């Protein structure tokens, strides 16, 4: 599975995913300052599942009906790297097969698979 980790999600999350054996593109390390529009297009065209805590991607997917290969939106009260990693670990342990093609909203205690134009 391939993950494109948004700059705001951070290099620690990208590093952790790489250590878990996933293929990772870290915006923080490889494309700082890239526009959201370009990142969503890159993720779609190259087969990456986007991980972000930027709600603008929800706007692009729902209002603009932009296509995607999967989006994981981290909507966390605690934005520390350790918290992001903890919720991603639980998500990957319990729902990894459902991630491709879905828009997934993740909080500290809930996972919601939302219907999107790609569904």
PDB file of N, CA and C in Angstrom:
ATOM      1  N   UNK A   1       0.845  -1.171   0.000  1.00  0.00           N
ATOM      2  CA  UNK A   1       0.000   0.000   0.000  1.00  0.00           C
ATOM      3  C   UNK A   1       0.891   1.234   0.000  1.00  0.00           C
ATOM      4  N   UNK A   2       0.438   2.267  -0.713  1.00  0.00           N
ATOM      5  CA  UNK A   2       1.232   3.485  -0.890  1.00  0.00           C
ATOM      6  C   UNK A   2       0.511   4.664  -0.242  1.00  0.00           C
ATOM      7  N   UNK A   3       1.252   5.447   0.544  1.00  0.00           N
ATOM      8  CA  UNK A   3       0.673   6.598   1.221  1.00  0.00           C
ATOM      9  C   UNK A   3       1.417   7.877   0.873  1.00  0.00           C
ATOM     10  N   UNK A   4       0.670   8.914   0.519  1.00  0.00           N
ATOM     11  CA  UNK A   4       1.203  10.249   0.345  1.00  0.00           C
ATOM     12  C   UNK A   4       0.836  11.003   1.614  1.00  0.00           C
ATOM     13  N   UNK A   5       1.825  11.387   2.393  1.00  0.00           N
ATOM     14  CA  UNK A   5       1.602  12.030   3.689  1.00  0.00           C
ATOM     15  C   UNK A   5       1.746  13.540   3.514  1.00  0.00           C
ATOM     16  N   UNK A   6       0.647  14.249   3.747  1.00  0.00           N
ATOM     17  CA  UNK A   6       0.614  15.697   3.578  1.00  0.00           C
ATOM     18  C   UNK A   6       1.610  16.374   4.521  1.00  0.00           C
ATOM     19  N   UNK A   7       2.062  17.525   4.096  1.00  0.00           N
ATOM     20  CA  UNK A   7       3.050  18.290   4.866  1.00  0.00           C
ATOM     21  C   UNK A   7       2.571  18.567   6.289  1.00  0.00           C
ATOM     22  N   UNK A   8       1.295  18.928   6.448  1.00  0.00           N
ATOM     23  CA  UNK A   8       0.768  19.261   7.772  1.00  0.00           C
ATOM     24  C   UNK A   8       0.652  18.035   8.674  1.00  0.00           C
ATOM     25  N   UNK A   9       0.642  16.858   8.092  1.00  0.00           N
ATOM     26  CA  UNK A   9       0.577  15.635   8.892  1.00  0.00           C
ATOM     27  C   UNK A   9       1.943  15.308   9.478  1.00  0.00           C
ATOM     28  N   UNK A  10       2.986  15.678   8.768  1.00  0.00           N
ATOM     29  CA  UNK A  10       4.318  15.660   9.355  1.00  0.00           C
ATOM     30  C   UNK A  10       5.235  14.527   8.958  1.00  0.00           C
ATOM     31  N   UNK A  11       6.533  14.783   9.081  1.00  0.00           N
ATOM     32  CA  UNK A  11       7.542  13.794   8.699  1.00  0.00           C
ATOM     33  C   UNK A  11       7.600  12.598   9.641  1.00  0.00           C
ATOM     34  N   UNK A  12       7.197  12.785  10.894  1.00  0.00           N
ATOM     35  CA  UNK A  12       7.224  11.663  11.839  1.00  0.00           C
ATOM     36  C   UNK A  12       6.256  10.567  11.442  1.00  0.00           C
ATOM     37  N   UNK A  13       5.089  10.961  10.957  1.00  0.00           N
ATOM     38  CA  UNK A  13       4.098   9.984  10.494  1.00  0.00           C
ATOM     39  C   UNK A  13       4.628   9.267   9.259  1.00  0.00           C
ATOM     40  N   UNK A  14       5.200  10.025   8.332  1.00  0.00           N
ATOM     41  CA  UNK A  14       5.752   9.429   7.115  1.00  0.00           C
ATOM     42  C   UNK A  14       6.862   8.437   7.460  1.00  0.00           C
ATOM     43  N   UNK A  15       7.740   8.814   8.373  1.00  0.00           N
ATOM     44  CA  UNK A  15       8.838   7.935   8.771  1.00  0.00           C
ATOM     45  C   UNK A  15       8.300   6.652   9.398  1.00  0.00           C
ATOM     46  N   UNK A  16       7.311   6.792  10.270  1.00  0.00           N
ATOM     47  CA  UNK A  16       6.727   5.628  10.929  1.00  0.00           C
ATOM     48  C   UNK A  16       6.101   4.679   9.911  1.00  0.00           C
ATOM     49  N   UNK A  17       5.354   5.233   8.955  1.00  0.00           N
ATOM     50  CA  UNK A  17       4.739   4.386   7.925  1.00  0.00           C
ATOM     51  C   UNK A  17       5.805   3.637   7.130  1.00  0.00           C
ATOM     52  N   UNK A  18       6.886   4.312   6.796  1.00  0.00           N
ATOM     53  CA  UNK A  18       7.984   3.658   6.097  1.00  0.00           C
ATOM     54  C   UNK A  18       8.585   2.527   6.907  1.00  0.00           C
ATOM     55  N   UNK A  19       8.705   2.737   8.210  1.00  0.00           N
ATOM     56  CA  UNK A  19       9.240   1.695   9.097  1.00  0.00           C
ATOM     57  C   UNK A  19       8.302   0.500   9.188  1.00  0.00           C
ATOM     58  N   UNK A  20       7.018   0.720   8.912  1.00  0.00           N
ATOM     59  CA  UNK A  20       6.036  -0.369   8.933  1.00  0.00           C
ATOM     60  C   UNK A  20       6.022  -1.134   7.613  1.00  0.00           C
ATOM     61  N   UNK A  21       6.829  -0.678   6.648  1.00  0.00           N
ATOM     62  CA  UNK A  21       6.946  -1.372   5.383  1.00  0.00           C
ATOM     63  C   UNK A  21       6.097  -0.820   4.250  1.00  0.00           C
ATOM     64  N   UNK A  22       5.452   0.304   4.486  1.00  0.00           N
ATOM     65  CA  UNK A  22       4.634   0.918   3.441  1.00  0.00           C
ATOM     66  C   UNK A  22       5.492   1.811   2.557  1.00  0.00           C
ATOM     67  N   UNK A  23       5.079   1.970   1.316  1.00  0.00           N
ATOM     68  CA  UNK A  23       5.727   2.917   0.421  1.00  0.00           C
ATOM     69  C   UNK A  23       5.153   4.292   0.741  1.00  0.00           C
ATOM     70  N   UNK A  24       6.029   5.281   0.930  1.00  0.00           N
ATOM     71  CA  UNK A  24       5.597   6.589   1.422  1.00  0.00           C
ATOM     72  C   UNK A  24       6.193   7.711   0.576  1.00  0.00           C
ATOM     73  N   UNK A  25       5.352   8.684   0.260  1.00  0.00           N
ATOM     74  CA  UNK A  25       5.808   9.948  -0.304  1.00  0.00           C
ATOM     75  C   UNK A  25       5.509  11.004   0.751  1.00  0.00           C
ATOM     76  N   UNK A  26       6.539  11.606   1.319  1.00  0.00           N
ATOM     77  CA  UNK A  26       6.397  12.622   2.356  1.00  0.00           C
ATOM     78  C   UNK A  26       6.464  14.006   1.725  1.00  0.00           C
ATOM     79  N   UNK A  27       5.363  14.727   1.755  1.00  0.00           N
ATOM     80  CA  UNK A  27       5.347  16.084   1.203  1.00  0.00           C
ATOM     81  C   UNK A  27       6.325  16.957   1.977  1.00  0.00           C
ATOM     82  N   UNK A  28       6.409  16.776   3.281  1.00  0.00           N
ATOM     83  CA  UNK A  28       7.327  17.560   4.104  1.00  0.00           C
ATOM     84  C   UNK A  28       8.770  17.394   3.632  1.00  0.00           C
ATOM     85  N   UNK A  29       9.148  16.172   3.316  1.00  0.00           N
ATOM     86  CA  UNK A  29      10.527  15.879   2.919  1.00  0.00           C
ATOM     87  C   UNK A  29      10.791  16.034   1.425  1.00  0.00           C
ATOM     88  N   UNK A  30       9.773  15.851   0.602  1.00  0.00           N
ATOM     89  CA  UNK A  30      10.004  15.766  -0.835  1.00  0.00           C
ATOM     90  C   UNK A  30       9.335  16.850  -1.677  1.00  0.00           C
ATOM     91  N   UNK A  31       8.398  17.602  -1.109  1.00  0.00           N
ATOM     92  CA  UNK A  31       7.678  18.594  -1.932  1.00  0.00           C
ATOM     93  C   UNK A  31       7.097  19.718  -1.072  1.00  0.00           C
ATOM     94  N   UNK A  32       7.884  20.217  -0.129  1.00  0.00           N
ATOM     95  CA  UNK A  32       7.384  21.276   0.758  1.00  0.00           C
ATOM     96  C   UNK A  32       6.783  22.422  -0.037  1.00  0.00           C
ATOM     97  N   UNK A  33       5.643  22.898   0.446  1.00  0.00           N
ATOM     98  CA  UNK A  33       4.982  24.038  -0.170  1.00  0.00           C
ATOM     99  C   UNK A  33       4.114  23.691  -1.356  1.00  0.00           C
ATOM    100  N   UNK A  34       4.013  22.419  -1.708  1.00  0.00           N
ATOM    101  CA  UNK A  34       3.176  22.021  -2.843  1.00  0.00           C
ATOM    102  C   UNK A  34       1.720  22.378  -2.570  1.00  0.00           C
ATOM    103  N   UNK A  35       1.033  22.791  -3.602  1.00  0.00           N
ATOM    104  CA  UNK A  35      -0.374  23.174  -3.490  1.00  0.00           C
ATOM    105  C   UNK A  35      -1.250  21.926  -3.317  1.00  0.00           C
ATOM    106  N   UNK A  36      -2.321  22.075  -2.552  1.00  0.00           N
ATOM    107  CA  UNK A  36      -3.230  20.956  -2.298  1.00  0.00           C
ATOM    108  C   UNK A  36      -3.755  20.350  -3.598  1.00  0.00           C
ATOM    109  N   UNK A  37      -4.098  21.205  -4.542  1.00  0.00           N
ATOM    110  CA  UNK A  37      -4.613  20.762  -5.833  1.00  0.00           C
ATOM    111  C   UNK A  37      -3.625  19.802  -6.510  1.00  0.00           C
ATOM    112  N   UNK A  38      -2.359  20.187  -6.523  1.00  0.00           N
ATOM    113  CA  UNK A  38      -1.321  19.369  -7.148  1.00  0.00           C
ATOM    114  C   UNK A  38      -1.125  18.060  -6.389  1.00  0.00           C
ATOM    115  N   UNK A  39      -1.243  18.105  -5.066  1.00  0.00           N
ATOM    116  CA  UNK A  39      -1.061  16.888  -4.267  1.00  0.00           C
ATOM    117  C   UNK A  39      -2.183  15.888  -4.507  1.00  0.00           C
ATOM    118  N   UNK A  40      -3.417  16.373  -4.577  1.00  0.00           N
ATOM    119  CA  UNK A  40      -4.534  15.466  -4.823  1.00  0.00           C
ATOM    120  C   UNK A  40      -4.417  14.841  -6.213  1.00  0.00           C
ATOM    121  N   UNK A  41      -4.001  15.620  -7.182  1.00  0.00           N
ATOM    122  CA  UNK A  41      -3.801  15.098  -8.535  1.00  0.00           C
ATOM    123  C   UNK A  41      -2.673  14.065  -8.554  1.00  0.00           C
ATOM    124  N   UNK A  42      -1.573  14.360  -7.883  1.00  0.00           N
ATOM    125  CA  UNK A  42      -0.447  13.419  -7.804  1.00  0.00           C
ATOM    126  C   UNK A  42      -0.904  12.114  -7.151  1.00  0.00           C
ATOM    127  N   UNK A  43      -1.597  12.230  -6.032  1.00  0.00           N
ATOM    128  CA  UNK A  43      -2.065  11.040  -5.324  1.00  0.00           C
ATOM    129  C   UNK A  43      -2.969  10.200  -6.221  1.00  0.00           C
ATOM    130  N   UNK A  44      -3.867  10.852  -6.930  1.00  0.00           N
ATOM    131  CA  UNK A  44      -4.785  10.116  -7.807  1.00  0.00           C
ATOM    132  C   UNK A  44      -4.045   9.465  -8.971  1.00  0.00           C
ATOM    133  N   UNK A  45      -3.242  10.249  -9.660  1.00  0.00           N
ATOM    134  CA  UNK A  45      -2.600   9.746 -10.882  1.00  0.00           C
ATOM    135  C   UNK A  45      -1.527   8.703 -10.615  1.00  0.00           C
ATOM    136  N   UNK A  46      -0.913   8.741  -9.429  1.00  0.00           N
ATOM    137  CA  UNK A  46       0.163   7.801  -9.116  1.00  0.00           C
ATOM    138  C   UNK A  46      -0.249   6.682  -8.162  1.00  0.00           C
ATOM    139  N   UNK A  47      -1.521   6.671  -7.735  1.00  0.00           N
ATOM    140  CA  UNK A  47      -2.016   5.581  -6.901  1.00  0.00           C
ATOM    141  C   UNK A  47      -1.653   5.652  -5.431  1.00  0.00           C
ATOM    142  N   UNK A  48      -1.547   6.869  -4.889  1.00  0.00           N
ATOM    143  CA  UNK A  48      -1.255   7.048  -3.465  1.00  0.00           C
ATOM    144  C   UNK A  48      -2.557   7.264  -2.695  1.00  0.00           C
ATOM    145  N   UNK A  49      -2.631   6.755  -1.485  1.00  0.00           N
ATOM    146  CA  UNK A  49      -3.698   7.119  -0.550  1.00  0.00           C
ATOM    147  C   UNK A  49      -3.177   8.312   0.237  1.00  0.00           C
ATOM    148  N   UNK A  50      -3.926   9.396   0.202  1.00  0.00           N
ATOM    149  CA  UNK A  50      -3.513  10.641   0.848  1.00  0.00           C
ATOM    150  C   UNK A  50      -3.862  10.612   2.329  1.00  0.00           C
ATOM    151  N   UNK A  51      -2.904  10.968   3.175  1.00  0.00           N
ATOM    152  CA  UNK A  51      -3.148  11.129   4.612  1.00  0.00           C
ATOM    153  C   UNK A  51      -2.950  12.597   4.934  1.00  0.00           C
ATOM    154  N   UNK A  52      -3.973  13.202   5.540  1.00  0.00           N
ATOM    155  CA  UNK A  52      -3.927  14.639   5.822  1.00  0.00           C
ATOM    156  C   UNK A  52      -4.738  14.973   7.059  1.00  0.00           C
ATOM    157  N   UNK A  53      -4.488  16.152   7.595  1.00  0.00           N
ATOM    158  CA  UNK A  53      -5.376  16.723   8.599  1.00  0.00           C
ATOM    159  C   UNK A  53      -5.826  18.107   8.125  1.00  0.00           C
ATOM    160  N   UNK A  54      -5.823  18.292   6.816  1.00  0.00           N
ATOM    161  CA  UNK A  54      -6.228  19.537   6.168  1.00  0.00           C
ATOM    162  C   UNK A  54      -7.626  19.342   5.586  1.00  0.00           C
ATOM    163  N   UNK A  55      -8.604  20.044   6.147  1.00  0.00           N
ATOM    164  CA  UNK A  55      -9.998  19.871   5.715  1.00  0.00           C
ATOM    165  C   UNK A  55     -10.241  20.352   4.283  1.00  0.00           C
ATOM    166  N   UNK A  56      -9.310  21.091   3.689  1.00  0.00           N
ATOM    167  CA  UNK A  56      -9.471  21.533   2.303  1.00  0.00           C
ATOM    168  C   UNK A  56      -9.610  20.358   1.338  1.00  0.00           C
ATOM    169  N   UNK A  57      -9.024  19.222   1.664  1.00  0.00           N
ATOM    170  CA  UNK A  57      -9.148  18.057   0.790  1.00  0.00           C
ATOM    171  C   UNK A  57     -10.576  17.531   0.779  1.00  0.00           C
ATOM    172  N   UNK A  58     -11.278  17.648   1.886  1.00  0.00           N
ATOM    173  CA  UNK A  58     -12.696  17.276   1.914  1.00  0.00           C
ATOM    174  C   UNK A  58     -13.513  18.164   0.994  1.00  0.00           C
ATOM    175  N   UNK A  59     -13.191  19.446   0.989  1.00  0.00           N
ATOM    176  CA  UNK A  59     -13.861  20.387   0.077  1.00  0.00           C
ATOM    177  C   UNK A  59     -13.625  19.981  -1.377  1.00  0.00           C
ATOM    178  N   UNK A  60     -12.393  19.639  -1.698  1.00  0.00           N
ATOM    179  CA  UNK A  60     -12.075  19.265  -3.081  1.00  0.00           C
ATOM    180  C   UNK A  60     -12.805  17.987  -3.497  1.00  0.00           C
ATOM    181  N   UNK A  61     -12.868  17.028  -2.603  1.00  0.00           N
ATOM    182  CA  UNK A  61     -13.501  15.749  -2.923  1.00  0.00           C
ATOM    183  C   UNK A  61     -15.017  15.891  -2.991  1.00  0.00           C
ATOM    184  N   UNK A  62     -15.612  16.593  -2.035  1.00  0.00           N
ATOM    185  CA  UNK A  62     -17.069  16.660  -1.978  1.00  0.00           C
ATOM    186  C   UNK A  62     -17.675  17.785  -2.816  1.00  0.00           C
ATOM    187  N   UNK A  63     -17.166  18.986  -2.705  1.00  0.00           N
ATOM    188  CA  UNK A  63     -17.739  20.109  -3.458  1.00  0.00           C
ATOM    189  C   UNK A  63     -17.303  20.116  -4.912  1.00  0.00           C
ATOM    190  N   UNK A  64     -16.005  19.874  -5.132  1.00  0.00           N
ATOM    191  CA  UNK A  64     -15.478  19.918  -6.491  1.00  0.00           C
ATOM    192  C   UNK A  64     -15.536  18.560  -7.187  1.00  0.00           C
ATOM    193  N   UNK A  65     -15.904  17.536  -6.407  1.00  0.00           N
ATOM    194  CA  UNK A  65     -16.035  16.175  -6.927  1.00  0.00           C
ATOM    195  C   UNK A  65     -14.736  15.675  -7.581  1.00  0.00           C
ATOM    196  N   UNK A  66     -13.623  15.996  -6.923  1.00  0.00           N
ATOM    197  CA  UNK A  66     -12.306  15.588  -7.412  1.00  0.00           C
ATOM    198  C   UNK A  66     -12.105  14.100  -7.147  1.00  0.00           C
ATOM    199  N   UNK A  67     -11.465  13.454  -8.078  1.00  0.00           N
ATOM    200  CA  UNK A  67     -11.202  12.026  -7.959  1.00  0.00           C
ATOM    201  C   UNK A  67      -9.998  11.780  -7.050  1.00  0.00           C
ATOM    202  N   UNK A  68      -9.979  10.609  -6.432  1.00  0.00           N
ATOM    203  CA  UNK A  68      -8.901  10.243  -5.512  1.00  0.00           C
ATOM    204  C   UNK A  68      -8.761   8.735  -5.464  1.00  0.00           C
ATOM    205  N   UNK A  69      -7.633   8.284  -4.937  1.00  0.00           N
ATOM    206  CA  UNK A  69      -7.383   6.856  -4.737  1.00  0.00           C
ATOM    207  C   UNK A  69      -7.692   6.433  -3.304  1.00  0.00           C
ATOM    208  N   UNK A  70      -8.054   7.402  -2.488  1.00  0.00           N
ATOM    209  CA  UNK A  70      -8.321   7.197  -1.072  1.00  0.00           C
ATOM    210  C   UNK A  70      -7.768   8.379  -0.292  1.00  0.00           C
ATOM    211  N   UNK A  71      -8.526   8.833   0.685  1.00  0.00           N
ATOM    212  CA  UNK A  71      -8.101   9.939   1.542  1.00  0.00           C
ATOM    213  C   UNK A  71      -8.369   9.537   2.981  1.00  0.00           C
ATOM    214  N   UNK A  72      -7.363   9.703   3.821  1.00  0.00           N
ATOM    215  CA  UNK A  72      -7.522   9.514   5.263  1.00  0.00           C
ATOM    216  C   UNK A  72      -7.413  10.896   5.879  1.00  0.00           C
ATOM    217  N   UNK A  73      -8.533  11.373   6.427  1.00  0.00           N
ATOM    218  CA  UNK A  73      -8.577  12.696   7.043  1.00  0.00           C
ATOM    219  C   UNK A  73      -8.510  12.516   8.559  1.00  0.00           C
ATOM    220  N   UNK A  74      -7.407  12.971   9.151  1.00  0.00           N
ATOM    221  CA  UNK A  74      -7.206  12.884  10.600  1.00  0.00           C
ATOM    222  C   UNK A  74      -7.836  14.113  11.248  1.00  0.00           C
ATOM    223  N   UNK A  75      -8.893  13.890  11.966  1.00  0.00           N
ATOM    224  CA  UNK A  75      -9.599  14.980  12.651  1.00  0.00           C
ATOM    225  C   UNK A  75      -9.415  14.761  14.158  1.00  0.00           C
ATOM    226  N   UNK A  76      -8.251  15.180  14.636  1.00  0.00           N
ATOM    227  CA  UNK A  76      -7.846  14.848  15.996  1.00  0.00           C
ATOM    228  C   UNK A  76      -7.814  16.071  16.901  1.00  0.00           C
ATOM    229  N   UNK A  77      -8.186  15.873  18.154  1.00  0.00           N
ATOM    230  CA  UNK A  77      -8.053  16.940  19.154  1.00  0.00           C
ATOM    231  C   UNK A  77      -6.579  17.114  19.514  1.00  0.00           C
ATOM    232  N   UNK A  78      -5.870  15.996  19.573  1.00  0.00           N
ATOM    233  CA  UNK A  78      -4.441  16.009  19.885  1.00  0.00           C
ATOM    234  C   UNK A  78      -3.673  15.831  18.586  1.00  0.00           C
ATOM    235  N   UNK A  79      -3.022  16.876  18.111  1.00  0.00           N
ATOM    236  CA  UNK A  79      -2.320  16.870  16.827  1.00  0.00           C
ATOM    237  C   UNK A  79      -0.856  16.419  16.935  1.00  0.00           C
ATOM    238  N   UNK A  80      -0.446  15.901  18.062  1.00  0.00           N
ATOM    239  CA  UNK A  80       0.940  15.442  18.208  1.00  0.00           C
ATOM    240  C   UNK A  80       1.181  14.201  17.354  1.00  0.00           C
ATOM    241  N   UNK A  81       2.412  14.038  16.952  1.00  0.00           N
ATOM    242  CA  UNK A  81       2.782  12.919  16.095  1.00  0.00           C
ATOM    243  C   UNK A  81       2.396  11.586  16.719  1.00  0.00           C
ATOM    244  N   UNK A  82       2.628  11.411  18.000  1.00  0.00           N
ATOM    245  CA  UNK A  82       2.305  10.147  18.671  1.00  0.00           C
ATOM    246  C   UNK A  82       0.809   9.834  18.577  1.00  0.00           C
ATOM    247  N   UNK A  83      -0.026  10.836  18.668  1.00  0.00           N
ATOM    248  CA  UNK A  83      -1.469  10.641  18.550  1.00  0.00           C
ATOM    249  C   UNK A  83      -1.847  10.238  17.123  1.00  0.00           C
ATOM    250  N   UNK A  84      -1.248  10.896  16.142  1.00  0.00           N
ATOM    251  CA  UNK A  84      -1.518  10.551  14.745  1.00  0.00           C
ATOM    252  C   UNK A  84      -1.109   9.106  14.463  1.00  0.00           C
ATOM    253  N   UNK A  85       0.052   8.726  14.959  1.00  0.00           N
ATOM    254  CA  UNK A  85       0.533   7.364  14.744  1.00  0.00           C
ATOM    255  C   UNK A  85      -0.385   6.356  15.426  1.00  0.00           C
ATOM    256  N   UNK A  86      -0.847   6.659  16.624  1.00  0.00           N
ATOM    257  CA  UNK A  86      -1.726   5.729  17.353  1.00  0.00           C
ATOM    258  C   UNK A  86      -3.027   5.474  16.595  1.00  0.00           C
ATOM    259  N   UNK A  87      -3.653   6.534  16.075  1.00  0.00           N
ATOM    260  CA  UNK A  87      -4.912   6.326  15.354  1.00  0.00           C
ATOM    261  C   UNK A  87      -4.670   5.642  14.011  1.00  0.00           C
ATOM    262  N   UNK A  88      -3.554   5.948  13.369  1.00  0.00           N
ATOM    263  CA  UNK A  88      -3.241   5.268  12.109  1.00  0.00           C
ATOM    264  C   UNK A  88      -2.943   3.789  12.337  1.00  0.00           C
ATOM    265  N   UNK A  89      -2.253   3.474  13.420  1.00  0.00           N
ATOM    266  CA  UNK A  89      -1.983   2.063  13.737  1.00  0.00           C
ATOM    267  C   UNK A  89      -3.300   1.310  13.898  1.00  0.00           C
ATOM    268  N   UNK A  90      -4.234   1.875  14.655  1.00  0.00           N
ATOM    269  CA  UNK A  90      -5.532   1.224  14.850  1.00  0.00           C
ATOM    270  C   UNK A  90      -6.288   1.108  13.524  1.00  0.00           C
ATOM    271  N   UNK A  91      -6.232   2.150  12.703  1.00  0.00           N
ATOM    272  CA  UNK A  91      -6.904   2.120  11.402  1.00  0.00           C
ATOM    273  C   UNK A  91      -6.324   1.022  10.514  1.00  0.00           C
ATOM    274  N   UNK A  92      -5.005   0.952  10.447  1.00  0.00           N
ATOM    275  CA  UNK A  92      -4.354  -0.060   9.614  1.00  0.00           C
ATOM    276  C   UNK A  92      -4.582  -1.471  10.149  1.00  0.00           C
ATOM    277  N   UNK A  93      -4.606  -1.619  11.461  1.00  0.00           N
ATOM    278  CA  UNK A  93      -4.841  -2.940  12.060  1.00  0.00           C
ATOM    279  C   UNK A  93      -6.251  -3.446  11.779  1.00  0.00           C
ATOM    280  N   UNK A  94      -7.224  -2.533  11.724  1.00  0.00           N
ATOM    281  CA  UNK A  94      -8.626  -2.938  11.658  1.00  0.00           C
ATOM    282  C   UNK A  94      -9.327  -2.707  10.324  1.00  0.00           C
ATOM    283  N   UNK A  95      -8.786  -1.826   9.477  1.00  0.00           N
ATOM    284  CA  UNK A  95      -9.535  -1.452   8.269  1.00  0.00           C
ATOM    285  C   UNK A  95      -8.676  -1.312   7.017  1.00  0.00           C
ATOM    286  N   UNK A  96      -7.480  -1.847   6.998  1.00  0.00           N
ATOM    287  CA  UNK A  96      -6.558  -1.605   5.882  1.00  0.00           C
ATOM    288  C   UNK A  96      -7.175  -1.958   4.531  1.00  0.00           C
ATOM    289  N   UNK A  97      -7.968  -3.010   4.473  1.00  0.00           N
ATOM    290  CA  UNK A  97      -8.544  -3.436   3.196  1.00  0.00           C
ATOM    291  C   UNK A  97      -9.603  -2.471   2.671  1.00  0.00           C
ATOM    292  N   UNK A  98     -10.144  -1.614   3.534  1.00  0.00           N
ATOM    293  CA  UNK A  98     -11.198  -0.676   3.123  1.00  0.00           C
ATOM    294  C   UNK A  98     -10.658   0.702   2.726  1.00  0.00           C
ATOM    295  N   UNK A  99      -9.363   0.925   2.860  1.00  0.00           N
ATOM    296  CA  UNK A  99      -8.807   2.258   2.608  1.00  0.00           C
ATOM    297  C   UNK A  99      -8.786   2.666   1.134  1.00  0.00           C
ATOM    298  N   UNK A 100      -8.379   1.794   0.203  1.00  0.00           N
ATOM    299  CA  UNK A 100      -8.308   2.229  -1.191  1.00  0.00           C
ATOM    300  C   UNK A 100      -9.670   2.697  -1.725  1.00  0.00           C
ATOM    301  N   UNK A 101      -9.672   3.885  -2.316  1.00  0.00           N
ATOM    302  CA  UNK A 101     -10.874   4.427  -2.940  1.00  0.00           C
ATOM    303  C   UNK A 101     -11.866   5.084  -2.019  1.00  0.00           C
ATOM    304  N   UNK A 102     -11.624   5.061  -0.724  1.00  0.00           N
ATOM    305  CA  UNK A 102     -12.571   5.636   0.231  1.00  0.00           C
ATOM    306  C   UNK A 102     -12.046   6.919   0.855  1.00  0.00           C
ATOM    307  N   UNK A 103     -12.978   7.757   1.286  1.00  0.00           N
ATOM    308  CA  UNK A 103     -12.660   8.933   2.093  1.00  0.00           C
ATOM    309  C   UNK A 103     -12.952   8.533   3.529  1.00  0.00           C
ATOM    310  N   UNK A 104     -11.908   8.517   4.355  1.00  0.00           N
ATOM    311  CA  UNK A 104     -12.029   8.008   5.719  1.00  0.00           C
ATOM    312  C   UNK A 104     -11.747   9.139   6.698  1.00  0.00           C
ATOM    313  N   UNK A 105     -12.679   9.365   7.613  1.00  0.00           N
ATOM    314  CA  UNK A 105     -12.504  10.374   8.648  1.00  0.00           C
ATOM    315  C   UNK A 105     -12.172   9.633   9.939  1.00  0.00           C
ATOM    316  N   UNK A 106     -11.038  10.003  10.547  1.00  0.00           N
ATOM    317  CA  UNK A 106     -10.561   9.305  11.731  1.00  0.00           C
ATOM    318  C   UNK A 106     -10.421  10.286  12.888  1.00  0.00           C
ATOM    319  N   UNK A 107     -11.039   9.947  14.019  1.00  0.00           N
ATOM    320  CA  UNK A 107     -10.856  10.699  15.256  1.00  0.00           C
ATOM    321  C   UNK A 107     -10.177   9.762  16.248  1.00  0.00           C
ATOM    322  N   UNK A 108      -9.947  10.252  17.459  1.00  0.00           N
ATOM    323  CA  UNK A 108      -9.314   9.410  18.469  1.00  0.00           C
ATOM    324  C   UNK A 108     -10.153   8.182  18.803  1.00  0.00           C
ATOM    325  N   UNK A 109     -11.474   8.256  18.633  1.00  0.00           N
ATOM    326  CA  UNK A 109     -12.308   7.126  19.033  1.00  0.00           C
ATOM    327  C   UNK A 109     -13.319   6.676  17.980  1.00  0.00           C
ATOM    328  N   UNK A 110     -13.165   7.145  16.734  1.00  0.00           N
ATOM    329  CA  UNK A 110     -14.148   6.772  15.718  1.00  0.00           C
ATOM    330  C   UNK A 110     -13.516   6.773  14.321  1.00  0.00           C
ATOM    331  N   UNK A 111     -13.983   5.849  13.487  1.00  0.00           N
ATOM    332  CA  UNK A 111     -13.589   5.789  12.089  1.00  0.00           C
ATOM    333  C   UNK A 111     -14.868   5.805  11.263  1.00  0.00           C
ATOM    334  N   UNK A 112     -14.934   6.722  10.282  1.00  0.00           N
ATOM    335  CA  UNK A 112     -16.121   6.820   9.432  1.00  0.00           C
ATOM    336  C   UNK A 112     -15.688   6.757   7.979  1.00  0.00           C
ATOM    337  N   UNK A 113     -16.278   5.841   7.246  1.00  0.00           N
ATOM    338  CA  UNK A 113     -16.059   5.726   5.818  1.00  0.00           C
ATOM    339  C   UNK A 113     -17.184   6.492   5.144  1.00  0.00           C
ATOM    340  N   UNK A 114     -16.829   7.605   4.512  1.00  0.00           N
ATOM    341  CA  UNK A 114     -17.822   8.488   3.921  1.00  0.00           C
ATOM    342  C   UNK A 114     -18.010   8.166   2.448  1.00  0.00           C
ATOM    343  N   UNK A 115     -19.227   8.322   1.976  1.00  0.00           N
ATOM    344  CA  UNK A 115     -19.511   8.153   0.551  1.00  0.00           C
ATOM    345  C   UNK A 115     -18.955   9.351  -0.199  1.00  0.00           C
ATOM    346  N   UNK A 116     -18.273   9.082  -1.301  1.00  0.00           N
ATOM    347  CA  UNK A 116     -17.704  10.154  -2.116  1.00  0.00           C
ATOM    348  C   UNK A 116     -18.048   9.885  -3.575  1.00  0.00           C
ATOM    349  N   UNK A 117     -17.787  10.855  -4.437  1.00  0.00           N
ATOM    350  CA  UNK A 117     -18.034  10.634  -5.855  1.00  0.00           C
ATOM    351  C   UNK A 117     -17.269   9.446  -6.436  1.00  0.00           C
ATOM    352  N   UNK A 118     -16.181   9.030  -5.777  1.00  0.00           N
ATOM    353  CA  UNK A 118     -15.420   7.876  -6.258  1.00  0.00           C
ATOM    354  C   UNK A 118     -16.070   6.559  -5.854  1.00  0.00           C
ATOM    355  N   UNK A 119     -16.960   6.623  -4.864  1.00  0.00           N
ATOM    356  CA  UNK A 119     -17.529   5.384  -4.310  1.00  0.00           C
ATOM    357  C   UNK A 119     -18.419   4.672  -5.304  1.00  0.00           C
TER     358      UNK A 119
END
